[in-house]
Amino acid sequence: MESTVIKVGGMSCHGCVRNVTGVLQAQPGVEQVDVSLENGEATVHYDGSKVALGQLRSAIEEAGFDAA
């Protein structure tokens, strides 16, 4: 199990947090997601053999947010 913190730009409300959480949880191999509106970041615990970090960032960007 791996974990990473992804900076997420463009979140302005708790609806954004739910959106980012949902798109990340929908990725294969993602076990746990904690999104912080205050810190503008998502902490993701995932199985690196099932999903790559780039795929997680792409999922965030496809949902309309910036991922760094």
PDB file of N, CA and C in Angstrom:
ATOM      1  N   MET A   1       0.852  -1.176   0.000  1.00  0.00           N
ATOM      2  CA  MET A   1       0.000   0.000   0.000  1.00  0.00           C
ATOM      3  C   MET A   1       0.899   1.240   0.000  1.00  0.00           C
ATOM      4  N   GLU A   2       0.545   2.171  -0.849  1.00  0.00           N
ATOM      5  CA  GLU A   2       1.274   3.426  -0.945  1.00  0.00           C
ATOM      6  C   GLU A   2       0.359   4.566  -0.521  1.00  0.00           C
ATOM      7  N   SER A   3       0.967   5.681  -0.177  1.00  0.00           N
ATOM      8  CA  SER A   3       0.162   6.866   0.112  1.00  0.00           C
ATOM      9  C   SER A   3       0.865   8.080  -0.477  1.00  0.00           C
ATOM     10  N   THR A   4       0.056   9.060  -0.854  1.00  0.00           N
ATOM     11  CA  THR A   4       0.584  10.290  -1.425  1.00  0.00           C
ATOM     12  C   THR A   4      -0.321  11.442  -1.060  1.00  0.00           C
ATOM     13  N   VAL A   5       0.242  12.642  -1.102  1.00  0.00           N
ATOM     14  CA  VAL A   5      -0.531  13.857  -0.905  1.00  0.00           C
ATOM     15  C   VAL A   5      -0.492  14.623  -2.224  1.00  0.00           C
ATOM     16  N   ILE A   6      -1.665  14.922  -2.765  1.00  0.00           N
ATOM     17  CA  ILE A   6      -1.781  15.644  -4.024  1.00  0.00           C
ATOM     18  C   ILE A   6      -2.378  17.015  -3.730  1.00  0.00           C
ATOM     19  N   LYS A   7      -1.687  18.064  -4.140  1.00  0.00           N
ATOM     20  CA  LYS A   7      -2.232  19.415  -4.001  1.00  0.00           C
ATOM     21  C   LYS A   7      -3.370  19.568  -5.010  1.00  0.00           C
ATOM     22  N   VAL A   8      -4.508  20.061  -4.537  1.00  0.00           N
ATOM     23  CA  VAL A   8      -5.687  20.213  -5.388  1.00  0.00           C
ATOM     24  C   VAL A   8      -6.074  21.688  -5.406  1.00  0.00           C
ATOM     25  N   GLY A   9      -6.066  22.270  -6.600  1.00  0.00           N
ATOM     26  CA  GLY A   9      -6.445  23.672  -6.746  1.00  0.00           C
ATOM     27  C   GLY A   9      -7.847  23.787  -7.306  1.00  0.00           C
ATOM     28  N   GLY A  10      -8.521  24.872  -6.927  1.00  0.00           N
ATOM     29  CA  GLY A  10      -9.843  25.128  -7.479  1.00  0.00           C
ATOM     30  C   GLY A  10     -11.000  24.689  -6.612  1.00  0.00           C
ATOM     31  N   MET A  11     -10.723  24.119  -5.450  1.00  0.00           N
ATOM     32  CA  MET A  11     -11.813  23.722  -4.547  1.00  0.00           C
ATOM     33  C   MET A  11     -12.256  24.945  -3.757  1.00  0.00           C
ATOM     34  N   SER A  12     -13.580  25.175  -3.723  1.00  0.00           N
ATOM     35  CA  SER A  12     -14.081  26.343  -3.012  1.00  0.00           C
ATOM     36  C   SER A  12     -15.171  26.017  -1.981  1.00  0.00           C
ATOM     37  N   CYS A  13     -15.612  24.755  -1.956  1.00  0.00           N
ATOM     38  CA  CYS A  13     -16.695  24.403  -1.036  1.00  0.00           C
ATOM     39  C   CYS A  13     -16.639  22.904  -0.713  1.00  0.00           C
ATOM     40  N   HIS A  14     -17.517  22.484   0.184  1.00  0.00           N
ATOM     41  CA  HIS A  14     -17.527  21.076   0.570  1.00  0.00           C
ATOM     42  C   HIS A  14     -18.076  20.187  -0.548  1.00  0.00           C
ATOM     43  N   GLY A  15     -18.841  20.767  -1.457  1.00  0.00           N
ATOM     44  CA  GLY A  15     -19.277  20.018  -2.631  1.00  0.00           C
ATOM     45  C   GLY A  15     -18.078  19.632  -3.491  1.00  0.00           C
ATOM     46  N   CYS A  16     -17.105  20.538  -3.582  1.00  0.00           N
ATOM     47  CA  CYS A  16     -15.870  20.237  -4.318  1.00  0.00           C
ATOM     48  C   CYS A  16     -15.116  19.095  -3.639  1.00  0.00           C
ATOM     49  N   VAL A  17     -15.083  19.119  -2.330  1.00  0.00           N
ATOM     50  CA  VAL A  17     -14.416  18.058  -1.571  1.00  0.00           C
ATOM     51  C   VAL A  17     -15.076  16.715  -1.869  1.00  0.00           C
ATOM     52  N   ARG A  18     -16.406  16.679  -1.868  1.00  0.00           N
ATOM     53  CA  ARG A  18     -17.129  15.438  -2.173  1.00  0.00           C
ATOM     54  C   ARG A  18     -16.839  14.974  -3.601  1.00  0.00           C
ATOM     55  N   ASN A  19     -16.762  15.917  -4.523  1.00  0.00           N
ATOM     56  CA  ASN A  19     -16.497  15.584  -5.915  1.00  0.00           C
ATOM     57  C   ASN A  19     -15.105  14.950  -6.060  1.00  0.00           C
ATOM     58  N   VAL A  20     -14.094  15.605  -5.498  1.00  0.00           N
ATOM     59  CA  VAL A  20     -12.724  15.083  -5.581  1.00  0.00           C
ATOM     60  C   VAL A  20     -12.629  13.734  -4.880  1.00  0.00           C
ATOM     61  N   THR A  21     -13.243  13.617  -3.719  1.00  0.00           N
ATOM     62  CA  THR A  21     -13.238  12.346  -2.992  1.00  0.00           C
ATOM     63  C   THR A  21     -13.854  11.241  -3.847  1.00  0.00           C
ATOM     64  N   GLY A  22     -14.981  11.534  -4.472  1.00  0.00           N
ATOM     65  CA  GLY A  22     -15.681  10.541  -5.281  1.00  0.00           C
ATOM     66  C   GLY A  22     -14.874  10.070  -6.482  1.00  0.00           C
ATOM     67  N   VAL A  23     -14.250  11.017  -7.206  1.00  0.00           N
ATOM     68  CA  VAL A  23     -13.493  10.597  -8.395  1.00  0.00           C
ATOM     69  C   VAL A  23     -12.266   9.787  -8.008  1.00  0.00           C
ATOM     70  N   LEU A  24     -11.674  10.104  -6.862  1.00  0.00           N
ATOM     71  CA  LEU A  24     -10.505   9.335  -6.422  1.00  0.00           C
ATOM     72  C   LEU A  24     -10.918   7.946  -5.933  1.00  0.00           C
ATOM     73  N   GLN A  25     -11.995   7.876  -5.178  1.00  0.00           N
ATOM     74  CA  GLN A  25     -12.450   6.579  -4.676  1.00  0.00           C
ATOM     75  C   GLN A  25     -12.894   5.655  -5.798  1.00  0.00           C
ATOM     76  N   ALA A  26     -13.270   6.219  -6.936  1.00  0.00           N
ATOM     77  CA  ALA A  26     -13.713   5.411  -8.073  1.00  0.00           C
ATOM     78  C   ALA A  26     -12.548   4.760  -8.817  1.00  0.00           C
ATOM     79  N   GLN A  27     -11.323   5.178  -8.517  1.00  0.00           N
ATOM     80  CA  GLN A  27     -10.165   4.611  -9.201  1.00  0.00           C
ATOM     81  C   GLN A  27      -9.843   3.228  -8.643  1.00  0.00           C
ATOM     82  N   PRO A  28      -9.445   2.300  -9.504  1.00  0.00           N
ATOM     83  CA  PRO A  28      -9.114   0.952  -9.024  1.00  0.00           C
ATOM     84  C   PRO A  28      -7.916   0.998  -8.085  1.00  0.00           C
ATOM     85  N   GLY A  29      -7.993   0.262  -6.999  1.00  0.00           N
ATOM     86  CA  GLY A  29      -6.870   0.171  -6.076  1.00  0.00           C
ATOM     87  C   GLY A  29      -6.827   1.238  -4.999  1.00  0.00           C
ATOM     88  N   VAL A  30      -7.725   2.215  -5.054  1.00  0.00           N
ATOM     89  CA  VAL A  30      -7.750   3.265  -4.033  1.00  0.00           C
ATOM     90  C   VAL A  30      -8.479   2.727  -2.807  1.00  0.00           C
ATOM     91  N   GLU A  31      -7.794   2.769  -1.671  1.00  0.00           N
ATOM     92  CA  GLU A  31      -8.351   2.235  -0.427  1.00  0.00           C
ATOM     93  C   GLU A  31      -8.985   3.316   0.444  1.00  0.00           C
ATOM     94  N   GLN A  32      -8.330   4.482   0.523  1.00  0.00           N
ATOM     95  CA  GLN A  32      -8.819   5.541   1.412  1.00  0.00           C
ATOM     96  C   GLN A  32      -8.451   6.888   0.833  1.00  0.00           C
ATOM     97  N   VAL A  33      -9.363   7.861   0.968  1.00  0.00           N
ATOM     98  CA  VAL A  33      -9.146   9.219   0.482  1.00  0.00           C
ATOM     99  C   VAL A  33      -9.560  10.190   1.577  1.00  0.00           C
ATOM    100  N   ASP A  34      -8.693  11.143   1.869  1.00  0.00           N
ATOM    101  CA  ASP A  34      -9.010  12.227   2.795  1.00  0.00           C
ATOM    102  C   ASP A  34      -8.712  13.535   2.077  1.00  0.00           C
ATOM    103  N   VAL A  35      -9.756  14.330   1.813  1.00  0.00           N
ATOM    104  CA  VAL A  35      -9.588  15.590   1.099  1.00  0.00           C
ATOM    105  C   VAL A  35      -9.798  16.732   2.080  1.00  0.00           C
ATOM    106  N   SER A  36      -8.857  17.674   2.095  1.00  0.00           N
ATOM    107  CA  SER A  36      -8.928  18.826   2.986  1.00  0.00           C
ATOM    108  C   SER A  36      -9.145  20.094   2.172  1.00  0.00           C
ATOM    109  N   LEU A  37     -10.294  20.735   2.364  1.00  0.00           N
ATOM    110  CA  LEU A  37     -10.577  22.006   1.703  1.00  0.00           C
ATOM    111  C   LEU A  37      -9.624  23.080   2.233  1.00  0.00           C
ATOM    112  N   GLU A  38      -9.408  23.090   3.537  1.00  0.00           N
ATOM    113  CA  GLU A  38      -8.571  24.100   4.169  1.00  0.00           C
ATOM    114  C   GLU A  38      -7.131  24.061   3.653  1.00  0.00           C
ATOM    115  N   ASN A  39      -6.587  22.853   3.473  1.00  0.00           N
ATOM    116  CA  ASN A  39      -5.199  22.706   3.031  1.00  0.00           C
ATOM    117  C   ASN A  39      -5.073  22.585   1.514  1.00  0.00           C
ATOM    118  N   GLY A  40      -6.202  22.407   0.841  1.00  0.00           N
ATOM    119  CA  GLY A  40      -6.189  22.261  -0.607  1.00  0.00           C
ATOM    120  C   GLY A  40      -5.404  21.044  -1.059  1.00  0.00           C
ATOM    121  N   GLU A  41      -5.679  19.915  -0.413  1.00  0.00           N
ATOM    122  CA  GLU A  41      -4.934  18.700  -0.763  1.00  0.00           C
ATOM    123  C   GLU A  41      -5.772  17.452  -0.508  1.00  0.00           C
ATOM    124  N   ALA A  42      -5.339  16.391  -1.194  1.00  0.00           N
ATOM    125  CA  ALA A  42      -5.967  15.082  -1.028  1.00  0.00           C
ATOM    126  C   ALA A  42      -4.889  14.086  -0.616  1.00  0.00           C
ATOM    127  N   THR A  43      -5.141  13.365   0.454  1.00  0.00           N
ATOM    128  CA  THR A  43      -4.258  12.288   0.876  1.00  0.00           C
ATOM    129  C   THR A  43      -4.903  10.995   0.407  1.00  0.00           C
ATOM    130  N   VAL A  44      -4.143  10.223  -0.376  1.00  0.00           N
ATOM    131  CA  VAL A  44      -4.692   9.022  -0.999  1.00  0.00           C
ATOM    132  C   VAL A  44      -3.847   7.813  -0.625  1.00  0.00           C
ATOM    133  N   HIS A  45      -4.503   6.765  -0.140  1.00  0.00           N
ATOM    134  CA  HIS A  45      -3.854   5.481   0.150  1.00  0.00           C
ATOM    135  C   HIS A  45      -4.307   4.521  -0.938  1.00  0.00           C
ATOM    136  N   TYR A  46      -3.356   3.955  -1.679  1.00  0.00           N
ATOM    137  CA  TYR A  46      -3.719   3.166  -2.856  1.00  0.00           C
ATOM    138  C   TYR A  46      -2.724   2.041  -3.113  1.00  0.00           C
ATOM    139  N   ASP A  47      -3.159   1.101  -3.941  1.00  0.00           N
ATOM    140  CA  ASP A  47      -2.332  -0.020  -4.372  1.00  0.00           C
ATOM    141  C   ASP A  47      -1.665   0.383  -5.679  1.00  0.00           C
ATOM    142  N   GLY A  48      -0.360   0.622  -5.618  1.00  0.00           N
ATOM    143  CA  GLY A  48       0.389   1.085  -6.778  1.00  0.00           C
ATOM    144  C   GLY A  48       0.446   0.095  -7.926  1.00  0.00           C
ATOM    145  N   SER A  49       0.087  -1.160  -7.670  1.00  0.00           N
ATOM    146  CA  SER A  49       0.060  -2.141  -8.758  1.00  0.00           C
ATOM    147  C   SER A  49      -1.249  -2.058  -9.558  1.00  0.00           C
ATOM    148  N   LYS A  50      -2.228  -1.313  -9.028  1.00  0.00           N
ATOM    149  CA  LYS A  50      -3.524  -1.196  -9.699  1.00  0.00           C
ATOM    150  C   LYS A  50      -3.774   0.183 -10.291  1.00  0.00           C
ATOM    151  N   VAL A  51      -3.138   1.199  -9.749  1.00  0.00           N
ATOM    152  CA  VAL A  51      -3.334   2.565 -10.232  1.00  0.00           C
ATOM    153  C   VAL A  51      -2.046   3.355 -10.027  1.00  0.00           C
ATOM    154  N   ALA A  52      -1.723   4.197 -11.005  1.00  0.00           N
ATOM    155  CA  ALA A  52      -0.519   5.023 -10.925  1.00  0.00           C
ATOM    156  C   ALA A  52      -0.871   6.420 -10.418  1.00  0.00           C
ATOM    157  N   LEU A  53       0.114   7.081  -9.860  1.00  0.00           N
ATOM    158  CA  LEU A  53      -0.079   8.431  -9.349  1.00  0.00           C
ATOM    159  C   LEU A  53      -0.593   9.356 -10.454  1.00  0.00           C
ATOM    160  N   GLY A  54      -0.086   9.197 -11.662  1.00  0.00           N
ATOM    161  CA  GLY A  54      -0.536  10.014 -12.780  1.00  0.00           C
ATOM    162  C   GLY A  54      -2.011   9.843 -13.073  1.00  0.00           C
ATOM    163  N   GLN A  55      -2.523   8.632 -12.891  1.00  0.00           N
ATOM    164  CA  GLN A  55      -3.947   8.380 -13.105  1.00  0.00           C
ATOM    165  C   GLN A  55      -4.792   9.100 -12.058  1.00  0.00           C
ATOM    166  N   LEU A  56      -4.287   9.166 -10.834  1.00  0.00           N
ATOM    167  CA  LEU A  56      -5.014   9.871  -9.779  1.00  0.00           C
ATOM    168  C   LEU A  56      -5.076  11.360 -10.092  1.00  0.00           C
ATOM    169  N   ARG A  57      -3.948  11.914 -10.518  1.00  0.00           N
ATOM    170  CA  ARG A  57      -3.920  13.336 -10.888  1.00  0.00           C
ATOM    171  C   ARG A  57      -4.851  13.609 -12.075  1.00  0.00           C
ATOM    172  N   SER A  58      -4.825  12.728 -13.057  1.00  0.00           N
ATOM    173  CA  SER A  58      -5.693  12.898 -14.234  1.00  0.00           C
ATOM    174  C   SER A  58      -7.164  12.877 -13.848  1.00  0.00           C
ATOM    175  N   ALA A  59      -7.532  12.005 -12.923  1.00  0.00           N
ATOM    176  CA  ALA A  59      -8.927  11.914 -12.474  1.00  0.00           C
ATOM    177  C   ALA A  59      -9.368  13.232 -11.837  1.00  0.00           C
ATOM    178  N   ILE A  60      -8.482  13.823 -11.056  1.00  0.00           N
ATOM    179  CA  ILE A  60      -8.791  15.120 -10.417  1.00  0.00           C
ATOM    180  C   ILE A  60      -8.954  16.195 -11.485  1.00  0.00           C
ATOM    181  N   GLU A  61      -8.045  16.209 -12.460  1.00  0.00           N
ATOM    182  CA  GLU A  61      -8.094  17.226 -13.511  1.00  0.00           C
ATOM    183  C   GLU A  61      -9.325  17.056 -14.391  1.00  0.00           C
ATOM    184  N   GLU A  62      -9.700  15.813 -14.675  1.00  0.00           N
ATOM    185  CA  GLU A  62     -10.900  15.564 -15.485  1.00  0.00           C
ATOM    186  C   GLU A  62     -12.168  16.008 -14.765  1.00  0.00           C
ATOM    187  N   ALA A  63     -12.105  16.072 -13.444  1.00  0.00           N
ATOM    188  CA  ALA A  63     -13.250  16.540 -12.658  1.00  0.00           C
ATOM    189  C   ALA A  63     -13.294  18.081 -12.599  1.00  0.00           C
ATOM    190  N   GLY A  64     -12.293  18.742 -13.200  1.00  0.00           N
ATOM    191  CA  GLY A  64     -12.316  20.198 -13.274  1.00  0.00           C
ATOM    192  C   GLY A  64     -11.442  20.915 -12.270  1.00  0.00           C
ATOM    193  N   PHE A  65     -10.547  20.193 -11.626  1.00  0.00           N
ATOM    194  CA  PHE A  65      -9.668  20.801 -10.629  1.00  0.00           C
ATOM    195  C   PHE A  65      -8.217  20.692 -11.083  1.00  0.00           C
ATOM    196  N   ASP A  66      -7.357  21.459 -10.433  1.00  0.00           N
ATOM    197  CA  ASP A  66      -5.917  21.379 -10.717  1.00  0.00           C
ATOM    198  C   ASP A  66      -5.284  20.395  -9.757  1.00  0.00           C
ATOM    199  N   ALA A  67      -4.358  19.581 -10.263  1.00  0.00           N
ATOM    200  CA  ALA A  67      -3.671  18.603  -9.419  1.00  0.00           C
ATOM    201  C   ALA A  67      -2.162  18.751  -9.616  1.00  0.00           C
ATOM    202  N   ALA A  68      -1.460  18.923  -8.503  1.00  0.00           N
ATOM    203  CA  ALA A  68      -0.001  19.074  -8.565  1.00  0.00           C
ATOM    204  C   ALA A  68       0.675  18.091  -7.639  1.00  0.00           C
TER     205      ALA A  68
END
